[in-house]
Amino acid sequence: MNKEYECALDTYNSLKHEFALVQEILEDISFGLYEPHFGFQSPEEYKTAFTTLRDRERTFIQDRRAAVCPIQWNVGGSEREGARMVKQNIKLVLRAFNGECEAARADVSWNNITKMEERIRKSCETVNKLSGSFM
């Protein structure tokens, strides 16, 4: 019961902290204050940075560093089938996370960028938790 209480208390404290951040951000926005996250002076600079980021993502995927599984699985006694299963699940995890990121990017605007960043962080945590027992 103590462990359950400690877990609930940790969750409460985490949510309390997040709520305080949101309140602070909303207060700033209500006064027209917005802290830019990016210093792009033109759409071309944004496009260049975005293209560079996409290239880095591709490199991570190609180098098999975007998602990893440290466990060597066997399926039906076959390491090859285990490796195939891992590769398919990594692809699924990356598709899920990248889909969440694209959805957040499509909805982002000047007044909700912090919310979208938090959405992406939460998505990462969730995908990691859901794939944790496998990977």
N, C-alpha and C. Protein backbone atom coordinates (compact mmCIF):
# COMPACT_ATOMS: atom_id res chain seq x y z
N MET A 1 0.81 -1.18 0.00
CA MET A 1 0.00 0.00 0.00
C MET A 1 0.87 1.26 0.00
N ASN A 2 2.01 1.20 0.72
CA ASN A 2 2.93 2.34 0.72
C ASN A 2 3.50 2.59 -0.67
N LYS A 3 3.82 1.51 -1.38
CA LYS A 3 4.36 1.66 -2.72
C LYS A 3 3.33 2.30 -3.64
N GLU A 4 2.10 1.87 -3.52
CA GLU A 4 1.01 2.43 -4.32
C GLU A 4 0.82 3.92 -4.00
N TYR A 5 0.91 4.26 -2.72
CA TYR A 5 0.78 5.66 -2.29
C TYR A 5 1.92 6.49 -2.87
N GLU A 6 3.16 5.98 -2.80
CA GLU A 6 4.31 6.71 -3.32
C GLU A 6 4.18 6.93 -4.82
N CYS A 7 3.70 5.92 -5.51
CA CYS A 7 3.51 6.04 -6.96
C CYS A 7 2.46 7.11 -7.26
N ALA A 8 1.35 7.08 -6.52
CA ALA A 8 0.29 8.07 -6.71
C ALA A 8 0.78 9.47 -6.36
N LEU A 9 1.60 9.58 -5.32
CA LEU A 9 2.14 10.88 -4.91
C LEU A 9 3.08 11.42 -5.98
N ASP A 10 3.91 10.56 -6.54
CA ASP A 10 4.80 10.98 -7.63
C ASP A 10 4.00 11.49 -8.82
N THR A 11 2.95 10.75 -9.17
CA THR A 11 2.09 11.17 -10.28
C THR A 11 1.45 12.52 -9.97
N TYR A 12 0.93 12.67 -8.77
CA TYR A 12 0.31 13.93 -8.35
C TYR A 12 1.31 15.09 -8.45
N ASN A 13 2.49 14.90 -7.91
CA ASN A 13 3.50 15.96 -7.94
C ASN A 13 3.90 16.31 -9.36
N SER A 14 4.02 15.31 -10.21
CA SER A 14 4.36 15.55 -11.61
C SER A 14 3.26 16.36 -12.30
N LEU A 15 2.02 15.96 -12.10
CA LEU A 15 0.89 16.68 -12.70
C LEU A 15 0.77 18.10 -12.14
N LYS A 16 1.02 18.25 -10.87
CA LYS A 16 0.97 19.57 -10.24
C LYS A 16 2.01 20.50 -10.86
N HIS A 17 3.20 19.97 -11.09
CA HIS A 17 4.27 20.75 -11.72
C HIS A 17 3.88 21.13 -13.15
N GLU A 18 3.38 20.17 -13.93
CA GLU A 18 2.97 20.44 -15.31
C GLU A 18 1.86 21.48 -15.35
N PHE A 19 0.91 21.37 -14.43
CA PHE A 19 -0.19 22.32 -14.38
C PHE A 19 0.32 23.73 -14.08
N ALA A 20 1.27 23.84 -13.18
CA ALA A 20 1.84 25.15 -12.85
C ALA A 20 2.52 25.76 -14.07
N LEU A 21 3.21 24.94 -14.85
CA LEU A 21 3.85 25.44 -16.07
C LEU A 21 2.82 25.93 -17.07
N VAL A 22 1.75 25.16 -17.23
CA VAL A 22 0.69 25.55 -18.16
C VAL A 22 0.05 26.86 -17.71
N GLN A 23 -0.22 26.99 -16.42
CA GLN A 23 -0.82 28.22 -15.90
C GLN A 23 0.09 29.42 -16.17
N GLU A 24 1.37 29.23 -15.96
CA GLU A 24 2.33 30.31 -16.19
C GLU A 24 2.35 30.71 -17.66
N ILE A 25 2.36 29.74 -18.53
CA ILE A 25 2.37 30.01 -19.97
C ILE A 25 1.09 30.73 -20.39
N LEU A 26 -0.05 30.25 -19.90
CA LEU A 26 -1.33 30.88 -20.24
C LEU A 26 -1.38 32.32 -19.73
N GLU A 27 -0.83 32.56 -18.55
CA GLU A 27 -0.79 33.91 -18.00
C GLU A 27 0.03 34.82 -18.91
N ASP A 28 1.18 34.34 -19.34
CA ASP A 28 2.03 35.13 -20.25
C ASP A 28 1.29 35.42 -21.56
N ILE A 29 0.67 34.41 -22.12
CA ILE A 29 -0.04 34.57 -23.39
C ILE A 29 -1.19 35.55 -23.25
N SER A 30 -1.86 35.52 -22.09
CA SER A 30 -2.99 36.43 -21.90
C SER A 30 -2.55 37.90 -21.94
N PHE A 31 -1.27 38.15 -21.67
CA PHE A 31 -0.74 39.51 -21.75
C PHE A 31 -0.02 39.77 -23.07
N GLY A 32 -0.15 38.82 -23.98
CA GLY A 32 0.47 38.99 -25.29
C GLY A 32 1.94 38.69 -25.32
N LEU A 33 2.44 38.02 -24.29
CA LEU A 33 3.86 37.67 -24.26
C LEU A 33 4.05 36.30 -24.87
N TYR A 34 4.96 36.20 -25.77
CA TYR A 34 5.28 34.93 -26.39
C TYR A 34 6.78 34.86 -26.54
N GLU A 35 7.33 33.79 -26.04
CA GLU A 35 8.77 33.60 -26.14
C GLU A 35 9.07 32.69 -27.33
N PRO A 36 9.62 33.24 -28.39
CA PRO A 36 9.90 32.41 -29.57
C PRO A 36 10.89 31.29 -29.23
N HIS A 37 10.64 30.14 -29.80
CA HIS A 37 11.52 29.00 -29.61
C HIS A 37 12.59 28.92 -30.71
N PHE A 38 12.30 29.59 -31.80
CA PHE A 38 13.19 29.52 -32.95
C PHE A 38 13.48 30.93 -33.43
N GLY A 39 14.68 31.15 -33.91
CA GLY A 39 15.08 32.47 -34.37
C GLY A 39 15.11 32.61 -35.88
N PHE A 40 14.21 31.92 -36.57
CA PHE A 40 14.21 31.99 -38.02
C PHE A 40 13.73 33.37 -38.47
N GLN A 41 14.45 33.96 -39.40
CA GLN A 41 14.09 35.28 -39.91
C GLN A 41 13.23 35.20 -41.17
N SER A 42 13.21 34.02 -41.79
CA SER A 42 12.44 33.88 -43.02
C SER A 42 11.93 32.44 -43.14
N PRO A 43 10.92 32.24 -43.97
CA PRO A 43 10.44 30.88 -44.21
C PRO A 43 11.51 29.97 -44.80
N GLU A 44 12.44 30.54 -45.54
CA GLU A 44 13.52 29.74 -46.13
C GLU A 44 14.43 29.17 -45.05
N GLU A 45 14.71 29.96 -44.01
CA GLU A 45 15.54 29.47 -42.90
C GLU A 45 14.83 28.32 -42.19
N TYR A 46 13.52 28.47 -42.01
CA TYR A 46 12.73 27.40 -41.39
C TYR A 46 12.79 26.14 -42.25
N LYS A 47 12.59 26.31 -43.55
CA LYS A 47 12.60 25.18 -44.48
C LYS A 47 13.96 24.47 -44.46
N THR A 48 15.03 25.25 -44.45
CA THR A 48 16.38 24.67 -44.41
C THR A 48 16.60 23.88 -43.12
N ALA A 49 16.20 24.46 -41.99
CA ALA A 49 16.35 23.76 -40.71
C ALA A 49 15.51 22.50 -40.68
N PHE A 50 14.32 22.57 -41.21
CA PHE A 50 13.43 21.41 -41.24
C PHE A 50 14.02 20.30 -42.12
N THR A 51 14.55 20.66 -43.26
CA THR A 51 15.17 19.68 -44.17
C THR A 51 16.39 19.03 -43.51
N THR A 52 17.19 19.83 -42.83
CA THR A 52 18.36 19.31 -42.12
C THR A 52 17.93 18.31 -41.05
N LEU A 53 16.90 18.67 -40.31
CA LEU A 53 16.39 17.78 -39.27
C LEU A 53 15.89 16.47 -39.87
N ARG A 54 15.15 16.54 -40.97
CA ARG A 54 14.66 15.32 -41.64
C ARG A 54 15.82 14.44 -42.09
N ASP A 55 16.87 15.05 -42.60
CA ASP A 55 18.05 14.29 -43.03
C ASP A 55 18.68 13.57 -41.84
N ARG A 56 18.75 14.25 -40.69
CA ARG A 56 19.30 13.61 -39.48
C ARG A 56 18.43 12.44 -39.05
N GLU A 57 17.12 12.61 -39.14
CA GLU A 57 16.20 11.52 -38.79
C GLU A 57 16.44 10.31 -39.69
N ARG A 58 16.54 10.56 -41.00
CA ARG A 58 16.80 9.46 -41.95
C ARG A 58 18.10 8.73 -41.62
N THR A 59 19.12 9.50 -41.28
CA THR A 59 20.41 8.90 -40.93
C THR A 59 20.27 8.02 -39.70
N PHE A 60 19.56 8.50 -38.69
CA PHE A 60 19.35 7.69 -37.48
C PHE A 60 18.62 6.39 -37.82
N ILE A 61 17.62 6.47 -38.67
CA ILE A 61 16.86 5.27 -39.04
C ILE A 61 17.75 4.32 -39.83
N GLN A 62 18.48 4.83 -40.80
CA GLN A 62 19.35 3.99 -41.63
C GLN A 62 20.46 3.35 -40.81
N ASP A 63 20.97 4.07 -39.81
CA ASP A 63 22.04 3.54 -38.96
C ASP A 63 21.50 2.68 -37.82
N ARG A 64 20.19 2.50 -37.81
CA ARG A 64 19.49 1.71 -36.78
C ARG A 64 19.75 2.24 -35.37
N ARG A 65 19.73 3.59 -35.26
CA ARG A 65 19.89 4.23 -33.96
C ARG A 65 18.62 4.94 -33.51
N ALA A 66 17.60 4.99 -34.35
CA ALA A 66 16.36 5.70 -34.01
C ALA A 66 15.58 4.95 -32.94
N ALA A 67 15.64 3.64 -32.99
CA ALA A 67 15.01 2.78 -31.98
C ALA A 67 15.86 1.51 -31.93
N VAL A 68 16.05 1.01 -30.73
CA VAL A 68 16.90 -0.17 -30.57
C VAL A 68 16.22 -1.21 -29.68
N CYS A 69 16.62 -2.43 -29.89
CA CYS A 69 16.17 -3.54 -29.04
C CYS A 69 17.41 -4.30 -28.61
N PRO A 70 17.79 -4.18 -27.34
CA PRO A 70 19.01 -4.83 -26.87
C PRO A 70 18.86 -6.35 -26.69
N ILE A 71 17.65 -6.85 -26.78
CA ILE A 71 17.40 -8.28 -26.57
C ILE A 71 17.44 -9.01 -27.91
N GLN A 72 18.14 -10.14 -27.93
CA GLN A 72 18.18 -10.95 -29.14
C GLN A 72 17.08 -12.01 -29.01
N TRP A 73 16.01 -11.83 -29.76
CA TRP A 73 14.85 -12.71 -29.67
C TRP A 73 14.98 -13.91 -30.60
N ASN A 74 14.37 -15.01 -30.17
CA ASN A 74 14.24 -16.20 -31.01
C ASN A 74 12.75 -16.43 -31.22
N VAL A 75 12.37 -16.72 -32.43
CA VAL A 75 10.97 -17.04 -32.73
C VAL A 75 10.96 -18.45 -33.31
N GLY A 76 10.31 -19.34 -32.63
CA GLY A 76 10.28 -20.73 -33.08
C GLY A 76 11.67 -21.33 -33.14
N GLY A 77 12.56 -20.87 -32.27
CA GLY A 77 13.93 -21.37 -32.25
C GLY A 77 14.83 -20.74 -33.29
N SER A 78 14.32 -19.74 -34.02
CA SER A 78 15.09 -19.13 -35.09
C SER A 78 15.49 -17.70 -34.73
N GLU A 79 16.81 -17.46 -34.69
CA GLU A 79 17.30 -16.10 -34.44
C GLU A 79 16.95 -15.19 -35.61
N ARG A 80 16.96 -15.74 -36.80
CA ARG A 80 16.63 -14.94 -37.99
C ARG A 80 15.19 -14.43 -37.92
N GLU A 81 14.27 -15.30 -37.53
CA GLU A 81 12.87 -14.89 -37.37
C GLU A 81 12.72 -13.90 -36.23
N GLY A 82 13.51 -14.07 -35.19
CA GLY A 82 13.51 -13.12 -34.07
C GLY A 82 13.98 -11.74 -34.53
N ALA A 83 15.04 -11.71 -35.32
CA ALA A 83 15.55 -10.43 -35.85
C ALA A 83 14.51 -9.78 -36.76
N ARG A 84 13.82 -10.60 -37.54
CA ARG A 84 12.75 -10.09 -38.42
C ARG A 84 11.62 -9.48 -37.60
N MET A 85 11.24 -10.15 -36.53
CA MET A 85 10.18 -9.66 -35.66
C MET A 85 10.59 -8.34 -35.01
N VAL A 86 11.83 -8.25 -34.54
CA VAL A 86 12.33 -7.02 -33.93
C VAL A 86 12.30 -5.89 -34.95
N LYS A 87 12.77 -6.15 -36.16
CA LYS A 87 12.80 -5.13 -37.20
C LYS A 87 11.38 -4.62 -37.49
N GLN A 88 10.41 -5.52 -37.55
CA GLN A 88 9.02 -5.12 -37.81
C GLN A 88 8.47 -4.28 -36.66
N ASN A 89 8.77 -4.66 -35.44
CA ASN A 89 8.27 -3.92 -34.28
C ASN A 89 8.94 -2.55 -34.15
N ILE A 90 10.20 -2.46 -34.48
CA ILE A 90 10.88 -1.17 -34.48
C ILE A 90 10.22 -0.26 -35.52
N LYS A 91 9.93 -0.81 -36.66
CA LYS A 91 9.27 -0.03 -37.71
C LYS A 91 7.90 0.46 -37.23
N LEU A 92 7.17 -0.39 -36.53
CA LEU A 92 5.87 -0.03 -35.99
C LEU A 92 5.99 1.08 -34.95
N VAL A 93 6.96 0.96 -34.06
CA VAL A 93 7.20 1.98 -33.03
C VAL A 93 7.55 3.31 -33.68
N LEU A 94 8.42 3.30 -34.66
CA LEU A 94 8.81 4.54 -35.33
C LEU A 94 7.64 5.17 -36.09
N ARG A 95 6.83 4.33 -36.72
CA ARG A 95 5.66 4.85 -37.43
C ARG A 95 4.69 5.51 -36.46
N ALA A 96 4.48 4.88 -35.32
CA ALA A 96 3.57 5.44 -34.32
C ALA A 96 4.08 6.78 -33.81
N PHE A 97 5.33 6.82 -33.44
CA PHE A 97 5.91 8.06 -32.90
C PHE A 97 5.95 9.15 -33.96
N ASN A 98 6.42 8.81 -35.16
CA ASN A 98 6.51 9.82 -36.21
C ASN A 98 5.12 10.32 -36.62
N GLY A 99 4.13 9.45 -36.58
CA GLY A 99 2.76 9.88 -36.86
C GLY A 99 2.27 10.89 -35.84
N GLU A 100 2.57 10.65 -34.58
CA GLU A 100 2.22 11.59 -33.52
C GLU A 100 2.93 12.94 -33.73
N CYS A 101 4.19 12.87 -34.10
CA CYS A 101 4.96 14.10 -34.33
C CYS A 101 4.40 14.89 -35.50
N GLU A 102 4.06 14.20 -36.57
CA GLU A 102 3.49 14.88 -37.73
C GLU A 102 2.14 15.52 -37.40
N ALA A 103 1.33 14.83 -36.61
CA ALA A 103 0.04 15.39 -36.20
C ALA A 103 0.25 16.65 -35.36
N ALA A 104 1.21 16.62 -34.46
CA ALA A 104 1.50 17.79 -33.64
C ALA A 104 2.03 18.93 -34.50
N ARG A 105 2.91 18.61 -35.42
CA ARG A 105 3.48 19.64 -36.30
C ARG A 105 2.41 20.29 -37.16
N ALA A 106 1.44 19.50 -37.60
CA ALA A 106 0.38 20.05 -38.43
C ALA A 106 -0.52 21.01 -37.66
N ASP A 107 -0.61 20.83 -36.34
CA ASP A 107 -1.49 21.66 -35.51
C ASP A 107 -0.77 22.81 -34.82
N VAL A 108 0.53 22.91 -34.96
CA VAL A 108 1.28 23.90 -34.19
C VAL A 108 1.03 25.32 -34.71
N SER A 109 0.98 26.24 -33.77
CA SER A 109 0.88 27.66 -34.11
C SER A 109 1.67 28.42 -33.04
N TRP A 110 1.76 29.71 -33.18
CA TRP A 110 2.58 30.51 -32.26
C TRP A 110 2.10 30.40 -30.82
N ASN A 111 0.80 30.19 -30.62
CA ASN A 111 0.29 30.20 -29.25
C ASN A 111 0.15 28.82 -28.61
N ASN A 112 0.50 27.77 -29.34
CA ASN A 112 0.40 26.44 -28.72
C ASN A 112 1.67 25.60 -28.89
N ILE A 113 2.76 26.23 -29.21
CA ILE A 113 3.99 25.47 -29.48
C ILE A 113 4.45 24.70 -28.24
N THR A 114 4.33 25.29 -27.07
CA THR A 114 4.73 24.60 -25.85
C THR A 114 3.86 23.37 -25.63
N LYS A 115 2.60 23.51 -25.88
CA LYS A 115 1.66 22.38 -25.75
C LYS A 115 2.03 21.27 -26.73
N MET A 116 2.38 21.63 -27.95
CA MET A 116 2.75 20.63 -28.95
C MET A 116 4.07 19.95 -28.59
N GLU A 117 5.01 20.71 -28.04
CA GLU A 117 6.27 20.10 -27.60
C GLU A 117 6.00 19.08 -26.49
N GLU A 118 5.13 19.45 -25.56
CA GLU A 118 4.79 18.53 -24.47
C GLU A 118 4.06 17.31 -25.02
N ARG A 119 3.21 17.52 -26.02
CA ARG A 119 2.50 16.41 -26.64
C ARG A 119 3.49 15.41 -27.25
N ILE A 120 4.52 15.92 -27.88
CA ILE A 120 5.54 15.04 -28.48
C ILE A 120 6.31 14.29 -27.39
N ARG A 121 6.67 14.99 -26.30
CA ARG A 121 7.36 14.32 -25.19
C ARG A 121 6.50 13.20 -24.61
N LYS A 122 5.22 13.50 -24.38
CA LYS A 122 4.30 12.50 -23.83
C LYS A 122 4.16 11.32 -24.78
N SER A 123 4.10 11.60 -26.06
CA SER A 123 4.01 10.53 -27.06
C SER A 123 5.23 9.63 -27.00
N CYS A 124 6.40 10.23 -26.85
CA CYS A 124 7.64 9.46 -26.74
C CYS A 124 7.59 8.56 -25.51
N GLU A 125 7.18 9.12 -24.39
CA GLU A 125 7.07 8.33 -23.15
C GLU A 125 6.08 7.18 -23.32
N THR A 126 4.95 7.46 -23.91
CA THR A 126 3.91 6.44 -24.10
C THR A 126 4.38 5.33 -25.03
N VAL A 127 4.97 5.70 -26.15
CA VAL A 127 5.47 4.69 -27.09
C VAL A 127 6.55 3.83 -26.42
N ASN A 128 7.43 4.47 -25.65
CA ASN A 128 8.46 3.71 -24.94
C ASN A 128 7.87 2.77 -23.92
N LYS A 129 6.84 3.22 -23.19
CA LYS A 129 6.19 2.36 -22.21
C LYS A 129 5.51 1.18 -22.88
N LEU A 130 4.78 1.46 -23.97
CA LEU A 130 4.04 0.40 -24.65
C LEU A 130 4.96 -0.64 -25.30
N SER A 131 6.12 -0.21 -25.74
CA SER A 131 7.04 -1.15 -26.38
C SER A 131 8.09 -1.67 -25.40
N GLY A 132 8.05 -1.19 -24.17
CA GLY A 132 9.08 -1.51 -23.18
C GLY A 132 9.27 -2.98 -22.88
N SER A 133 8.17 -3.71 -22.76
CA SER A 133 8.30 -5.14 -22.43
C SER A 133 8.85 -5.94 -23.58
N PHE A 134 8.69 -5.41 -24.79
CA PHE A 134 9.20 -6.11 -25.96
C PHE A 134 10.64 -5.71 -26.25
N MET A 135 10.91 -4.43 -26.13
CA MET A 135 12.21 -3.91 -26.52
C MET A 135 12.97 -3.54 -25.28
